[in-house]
Amino acid sequence: MGKIGRNQPCPCGSGKKYKHCCLAARQAGETVSPAGQVKTSLMTAIDKIQTQAGEKKAVFTELGVFLLFSDSEGDAWLLEATESDAVQIARGGARLDVPIDENPETIEINFSHTFAIRDRQLFLASYSDKAETLLDRAPTKRIRAAIRRLYRLYPKEMLARMHVDESGDPEPEV
């Protein structure tokens, strides 16, 4: 697990400094779960990114395992780093309906794509027709860095427990 500086942004994505957020829980020996940090704040982060997409601002945000970005053309995407899933949340500055069912216990997202980073570029593959698209305005370097940081900060077992199959049992590790 990597070391986080006290004055660095907290890896949970809260926007606070680490010392004012998750540091106390870690020092007390508690396990700080990325899922626990995300519970009901995902919709707030999506709303903010959609607003910035409407203003045609290029922005990148991390929220636990979720990565959100908008580009200068007004497109915005929500990525889930551990399963490589993606869904578009704004197109040309216009907000899109977000297929999310969020409550204090779970977050269920109906993702439309998977993503992969190859040759320093972000590619999307649609679940419906498997068509692959290059997102040339994606902040690929920042996405790669965020994913590496996530896997350094949290054990694989903790990240695997965040995903539940339809039976309610955690998904097996691959």
C-alpha atoms as a PDB file:
ATOM      1  CA  MET A   1       0.000   0.000   0.000  1.00  0.00           C
ATOM      2  CA  GLY A   2       1.377   3.427  -0.940  1.00  0.00           C
ATOM      3  CA  LYS A   3       2.016   6.186   1.558  1.00  0.00           C
ATOM      4  CA  ILE A   4      -0.194   9.261   1.478  1.00  0.00           C
ATOM      5  CA  GLY A   5       1.073  12.630   2.676  1.00  0.00           C
ATOM      6  CA  ARG A   6      -1.006  14.412   5.331  1.00  0.00           C
ATOM      7  CA  ASN A   7      -1.521  17.460   3.122  1.00  0.00           C
ATOM      8  CA  GLN A   8      -2.304  15.582  -0.087  1.00  0.00           C
ATOM      9  CA  PRO A   9      -5.888  15.281  -1.341  1.00  0.00           C
ATOM     10  CA  CYS A  10      -7.654  12.361   0.314  1.00  0.00           C
ATOM     11  CA  PRO A  11      -7.781   9.298  -1.973  1.00  0.00           C
ATOM     12  CA  CYS A  12     -11.485   8.817  -1.165  1.00  0.00           C
ATOM     13  CA  GLY A  13     -12.280  11.720  -3.478  1.00  0.00           C
ATOM     14  CA  SER A  14     -13.892  13.954  -0.867  1.00  0.00           C
ATOM     15  CA  GLY A  15     -11.824  16.952  -1.947  1.00  0.00           C
ATOM     16  CA  LYS A  16     -10.495  17.412   1.581  1.00  0.00           C
ATOM     17  CA  LYS A  17      -6.904  17.051   2.688  1.00  0.00           C
ATOM     18  CA  TYR A  18      -6.054  13.544   3.885  1.00  0.00           C
ATOM     19  CA  LYS A  19      -5.422  14.800   7.456  1.00  0.00           C
ATOM     20  CA  HIS A  20      -8.952  16.242   7.628  1.00  0.00           C
ATOM     21  CA  CYS A  21     -10.661  13.189   6.180  1.00  0.00           C
ATOM     22  CA  CYS A  22      -9.561   9.538   6.373  1.00  0.00           C
ATOM     23  CA  LEU A  23      -6.244   9.832   8.261  1.00  0.00           C
ATOM     24  CA  ALA A  24      -7.829   9.617  11.739  1.00  0.00           C
ATOM     25  CA  ALA A  25      -9.697   6.424  10.849  1.00  0.00           C
ATOM     26  CA  ARG A  26      -6.535   4.828   9.458  1.00  0.00           C
ATOM     27  CA  GLN A  27      -4.543   5.804  12.561  1.00  0.00           C
ATOM     28  CA  ALA A  28      -7.262   4.262  14.743  1.00  0.00           C
ATOM     29  CA  GLY A  29      -6.805   1.009  12.824  1.00  0.00           C
ATOM     30  CA  GLU A  30     -10.152   1.213  11.050  1.00  0.00           C
ATOM     31  CA  THR A  31     -10.366   0.140   7.435  1.00  0.00           C
ATOM     32  CA  VAL A  32     -11.571   3.005   5.310  1.00  0.00           C
ATOM     33  CA  SER A  33     -13.549   1.532   2.435  1.00  0.00           C
ATOM     34  CA  PRO A  34     -13.776   3.377  -0.854  1.00  0.00           C
ATOM     35  CA  ALA A  35     -17.442   2.316  -0.977  1.00  0.00           C
ATOM     36  CA  GLY A  36     -18.065   3.860   2.418  1.00  0.00           C
ATOM     37  CA  GLN A  37     -16.739   7.185   1.173  1.00  0.00           C
ATOM     38  CA  VAL A  38     -18.861   7.155  -1.977  1.00  0.00           C
ATOM     39  CA  LYS A  39     -22.309   6.067  -0.738  1.00  0.00           C
ATOM     40  CA  THR A  40     -24.499   9.060  -1.497  1.00  0.00           C
ATOM     41  CA  SER A  41     -22.083  11.578  -2.957  1.00  0.00           C
ATOM     42  CA  LEU A  42     -21.854  10.075  -6.451  1.00  0.00           C
ATOM     43  CA  MET A  43     -24.941  11.870  -7.742  1.00  0.00           C
ATOM     44  CA  THR A  44     -23.535  15.169  -6.454  1.00  0.00           C
ATOM     45  CA  ALA A  45     -20.260  14.560  -8.331  1.00  0.00           C
ATOM     46  CA  ILE A  46     -22.160  13.612 -11.500  1.00  0.00           C
ATOM     47  CA  ASP A  47     -24.274  16.756 -11.278  1.00  0.00           C
ATOM     48  CA  LYS A  48     -21.131  18.879 -10.915  1.00  0.00           C
ATOM     49  CA  ILE A  49     -19.412  17.250 -13.926  1.00  0.00           C
ATOM     50  CA  GLN A  50     -22.571  17.613 -16.017  1.00  0.00           C
ATOM     51  CA  THR A  51     -22.662  21.324 -15.139  1.00  0.00           C
ATOM     52  CA  GLN A  52     -19.017  21.721 -16.141  1.00  0.00           C
ATOM     53  CA  ALA A  53     -19.668  19.824 -19.385  1.00  0.00           C
ATOM     54  CA  GLY A  54     -22.471  22.290 -20.081  1.00  0.00           C
ATOM     55  CA  GLU A  55     -19.904  25.069 -19.673  1.00  0.00           C
ATOM     56  CA  LYS A  56     -17.532  23.148 -22.012  1.00  0.00           C
ATOM     57  CA  LYS A  57     -14.869  22.874 -19.298  1.00  0.00           C
ATOM     58  CA  ALA A  58     -12.325  20.070 -19.343  1.00  0.00           C
ATOM     59  CA  VAL A  59     -12.398  18.645 -15.795  1.00  0.00           C
ATOM     60  CA  PHE A  60     -11.280  15.381 -14.146  1.00  0.00           C
ATOM     61  CA  THR A  61     -12.520  14.138 -10.743  1.00  0.00           C
ATOM     62  CA  GLU A  62     -11.823  11.033  -8.657  1.00  0.00           C
ATOM     63  CA  LEU A  63     -14.384   9.669  -6.205  1.00  0.00           C
ATOM     64  CA  GLY A  64     -13.238   6.341  -4.779  1.00  0.00           C
ATOM     65  CA  VAL A  65     -13.365   3.823  -7.645  1.00  0.00           C
ATOM     66  CA  PHE A  66     -15.310   6.273  -9.818  1.00  0.00           C
ATOM     67  CA  LEU A  67     -13.550   8.573 -12.266  1.00  0.00           C
ATOM     68  CA  LEU A  68     -15.522  11.385 -13.875  1.00  0.00           C
ATOM     69  CA  PHE A  69     -14.409  13.728 -16.631  1.00  0.00           C
ATOM     70  CA  SER A  70     -15.740  16.274 -19.066  1.00  0.00           C
ATOM     71  CA  ASP A  71     -14.021  17.688 -22.127  1.00  0.00           C
ATOM     72  CA  SER A  72     -13.962  21.026 -23.934  1.00  0.00           C
ATOM     73  CA  GLU A  73     -16.663  19.824 -26.354  1.00  0.00           C
ATOM     74  CA  GLY A  74     -19.166  19.215 -23.535  1.00  0.00           C
ATOM     75  CA  ASP A  75     -18.972  15.409 -23.402  1.00  0.00           C
ATOM     76  CA  ALA A  76     -18.733  13.783 -19.962  1.00  0.00           C
ATOM     77  CA  TRP A  77     -18.206  10.201 -18.831  1.00  0.00           C
ATOM     78  CA  LEU A  78     -18.376   8.196 -15.607  1.00  0.00           C
ATOM     79  CA  LEU A  79     -15.801   5.388 -15.370  1.00  0.00           C
ATOM     80  CA  GLU A  80     -15.630   2.614 -12.771  1.00  0.00           C
ATOM     81  CA  ALA A  81     -11.934   1.827 -12.386  1.00  0.00           C
ATOM     82  CA  THR A  82     -11.939  -1.721 -10.980  1.00  0.00           C
ATOM     83  CA  GLU A  83     -14.344  -3.262 -13.507  1.00  0.00           C
ATOM     84  CA  SER A  84     -13.431  -0.973 -16.457  1.00  0.00           C
ATOM     85  CA  ASP A  85     -17.057   0.055 -16.987  1.00  0.00           C
ATOM     86  CA  ALA A  86     -18.210   3.369 -18.451  1.00  0.00           C
ATOM     87  CA  VAL A  87     -21.354   5.385 -19.145  1.00  0.00           C
ATOM     88  CA  GLN A  88     -21.753   8.741 -20.876  1.00  0.00           C
ATOM     89  CA  ILE A  89     -23.389  11.387 -18.687  1.00  0.00           C
ATOM     90  CA  ALA A  90     -23.271  14.440 -21.006  1.00  0.00           C
ATOM     91  CA  ARG A  91     -23.102  14.908 -24.770  1.00  0.00           C
ATOM     92  CA  GLY A  92     -22.310  18.227 -26.429  1.00  0.00           C
ATOM     93  CA  GLY A  93     -22.974  20.059 -23.167  1.00  0.00           C
ATOM     94  CA  ALA A  94     -26.422  18.497 -22.691  1.00  0.00           C
ATOM     95  CA  ARG A  95     -27.046  16.377 -19.593  1.00  0.00           C
ATOM     96  CA  LEU A  96     -27.929  12.736 -20.183  1.00  0.00           C
ATOM     97  CA  ASP A  97     -30.055  10.636 -17.845  1.00  0.00           C
ATOM     98  CA  VAL A  98     -27.780   8.730 -15.513  1.00  0.00           C
ATOM     99  CA  PRO A  99     -28.816   5.092 -15.067  1.00  0.00           C
ATOM    100  CA  ILE A 100     -28.052   4.952 -11.331  1.00  0.00           C
ATOM    101  CA  ASP A 101     -30.031   3.594  -8.404  1.00  0.00           C
ATOM    102  CA  GLU A 102     -28.295   4.974  -5.328  1.00  0.00           C
ATOM    103  CA  ASN A 103     -29.237   4.518  -1.680  1.00  0.00           C
ATOM    104  CA  PRO A 104     -27.262   4.463   1.589  1.00  0.00           C
ATOM    105  CA  GLU A 105     -26.540   0.727   1.202  1.00  0.00           C
ATOM    106  CA  THR A 106     -25.710   0.243  -2.485  1.00  0.00           C
ATOM    107  CA  ILE A 107     -24.995   1.988  -5.743  1.00  0.00           C
ATOM    108  CA  GLU A 108     -26.254   0.225  -8.868  1.00  0.00           C
ATOM    109  CA  ILE A 109     -25.190   1.610 -12.235  1.00  0.00           C
ATOM    110  CA  ASN A 110     -26.342   0.376 -15.613  1.00  0.00           C
ATOM    111  CA  PHE A 111     -23.095   0.835 -17.535  1.00  0.00           C
ATOM    112  CA  SER A 112     -23.283   0.964 -21.329  1.00  0.00           C
ATOM    113  CA  HIS A 113     -19.597   0.463 -22.198  1.00  0.00           C
ATOM    114  CA  THR A 114     -16.318  -1.016 -21.062  1.00  0.00           C
ATOM    115  CA  PHE A 115     -13.096   0.936 -21.389  1.00  0.00           C
ATOM    116  CA  ALA A 116      -9.477   0.049 -22.016  1.00  0.00           C
ATOM    117  CA  ILE A 117      -6.305   2.070 -22.260  1.00  0.00           C
ATOM    118  CA  ARG A 118      -4.060   1.000 -25.118  1.00  0.00           C
ATOM    119  CA  ASP A 119      -1.151   2.906 -26.612  1.00  0.00           C
ATOM    120  CA  ARG A 120      -1.867   5.794 -24.211  1.00  0.00           C
ATOM    121  CA  GLN A 121      -5.375   6.223 -25.610  1.00  0.00           C
ATOM    122  CA  LEU A 122      -8.808   5.503 -24.123  1.00  0.00           C
ATOM    123  CA  PHE A 123     -11.031   3.110 -26.057  1.00  0.00           C
ATOM    124  CA  LEU A 124     -14.677   2.340 -25.324  1.00  0.00           C
ATOM    125  CA  ALA A 125     -16.528  -0.818 -26.348  1.00  0.00           C
ATOM    126  CA  SER A 126     -20.321  -0.789 -26.295  1.00  0.00           C
ATOM    127  CA  TYR A 127     -22.029  -3.638 -24.452  1.00  0.00           C
ATOM    128  CA  SER A 128     -24.866  -3.662 -26.997  1.00  0.00           C
ATOM    129  CA  ASP A 129     -22.941  -4.106 -30.254  1.00  0.00           C
ATOM    130  CA  LYS A 130     -19.282  -4.401 -29.120  1.00  0.00           C
ATOM    131  CA  ALA A 131     -18.398  -1.446 -31.370  1.00  0.00           C
ATOM    132  CA  GLU A 132     -15.149   0.171 -30.286  1.00  0.00           C
ATOM    133  CA  THR A 133     -14.610   3.935 -30.199  1.00  0.00           C
ATOM    134  CA  LEU A 134     -11.530   6.025 -29.482  1.00  0.00           C
ATOM    135  CA  LEU A 135     -12.111   8.901 -27.037  1.00  0.00           C
ATOM    136  CA  ASP A 136      -9.376  11.216 -28.243  1.00  0.00           C
ATOM    137  CA  ARG A 137     -10.261  14.059 -25.835  1.00  0.00           C
ATOM    138  CA  ALA A 138     -10.159  11.844 -22.721  1.00  0.00           C
ATOM    139  CA  PRO A 139      -7.579  12.695 -20.021  1.00  0.00           C
ATOM    140  CA  THR A 140      -5.987   9.267 -20.462  1.00  0.00           C
ATOM    141  CA  LYS A 141      -2.801  10.062 -18.558  1.00  0.00           C
ATOM    142  CA  ARG A 142      -4.800  11.175 -15.487  1.00  0.00           C
ATOM    143  CA  ILE A 143      -7.111   8.159 -15.752  1.00  0.00           C
ATOM    144  CA  ARG A 144      -4.145   5.758 -15.820  1.00  0.00           C
ATOM    145  CA  ALA A 145      -2.535   7.513 -12.848  1.00  0.00           C
ATOM    146  CA  ALA A 146      -5.791   7.382 -10.854  1.00  0.00           C
ATOM    147  CA  ILE A 147      -6.214   3.658 -11.507  1.00  0.00           C
ATOM    148  CA  ARG A 148      -2.621   2.917 -10.475  1.00  0.00           C
ATOM    149  CA  ARG A 149      -3.082   5.010  -7.327  1.00  0.00           C
ATOM    150  CA  LEU A 150      -6.309   3.188  -6.460  1.00  0.00           C
ATOM    151  CA  TYR A 151      -4.637  -0.217  -6.664  1.00  0.00           C
ATOM    152  CA  ARG A 152      -1.693   1.025  -4.574  1.00  0.00           C
ATOM    153  CA  LEU A 153      -3.911   2.473  -1.836  1.00  0.00           C
ATOM    154  CA  TYR A 154      -6.423  -0.340  -1.369  1.00  0.00           C
ATOM    155  CA  PRO A 155      -5.880  -4.103  -1.181  1.00  0.00           C
ATOM    156  CA  LYS A 156      -7.314  -6.102  -4.087  1.00  0.00           C
ATOM    157  CA  GLU A 157      -9.525  -8.013  -1.655  1.00  0.00           C
ATOM    158  CA  MET A 158     -11.199  -4.780  -0.522  1.00  0.00           C
ATOM    159  CA  LEU A 159     -11.778  -3.645  -4.103  1.00  0.00           C
ATOM    160  CA  ALA A 160     -13.215  -7.062  -5.028  1.00  0.00           C
ATOM    161  CA  ARG A 161     -15.726  -6.880  -2.156  1.00  0.00           C
ATOM    162  CA  MET A 162     -17.183  -3.709  -3.612  1.00  0.00           C
ATOM    163  CA  HIS A 163     -18.871  -5.648  -6.416  1.00  0.00           C
ATOM    164  CA  VAL A 164     -21.860  -7.868  -5.764  1.00  0.00           C
ATOM    165  CA  ASP A 165     -23.463 -10.195  -8.279  1.00  0.00           C
ATOM    166  CA  GLU A 166     -27.238 -10.614  -8.597  1.00  0.00           C
ATOM    167  CA  SER A 167     -27.370 -13.264  -5.884  1.00  0.00           C
ATOM    168  CA  GLY A 168     -25.949 -10.790  -3.374  1.00  0.00           C
ATOM    169  CA  ASP A 169     -22.651 -12.656  -3.006  1.00  0.00           C
ATOM    170  CA  PRO A 170     -19.364 -10.864  -3.683  1.00  0.00           C
ATOM    171  CA  GLU A 171     -18.015 -11.546  -7.138  1.00  0.00           C
ATOM    172  CA  PRO A 172     -15.194 -14.096  -7.194  1.00  0.00           C
ATOM    173  CA  GLU A 173     -11.720 -12.836  -7.912  1.00  0.00           C
ATOM    174  CA  VAL A 174     -10.470 -13.555 -11.402  1.00  0.00           C
END
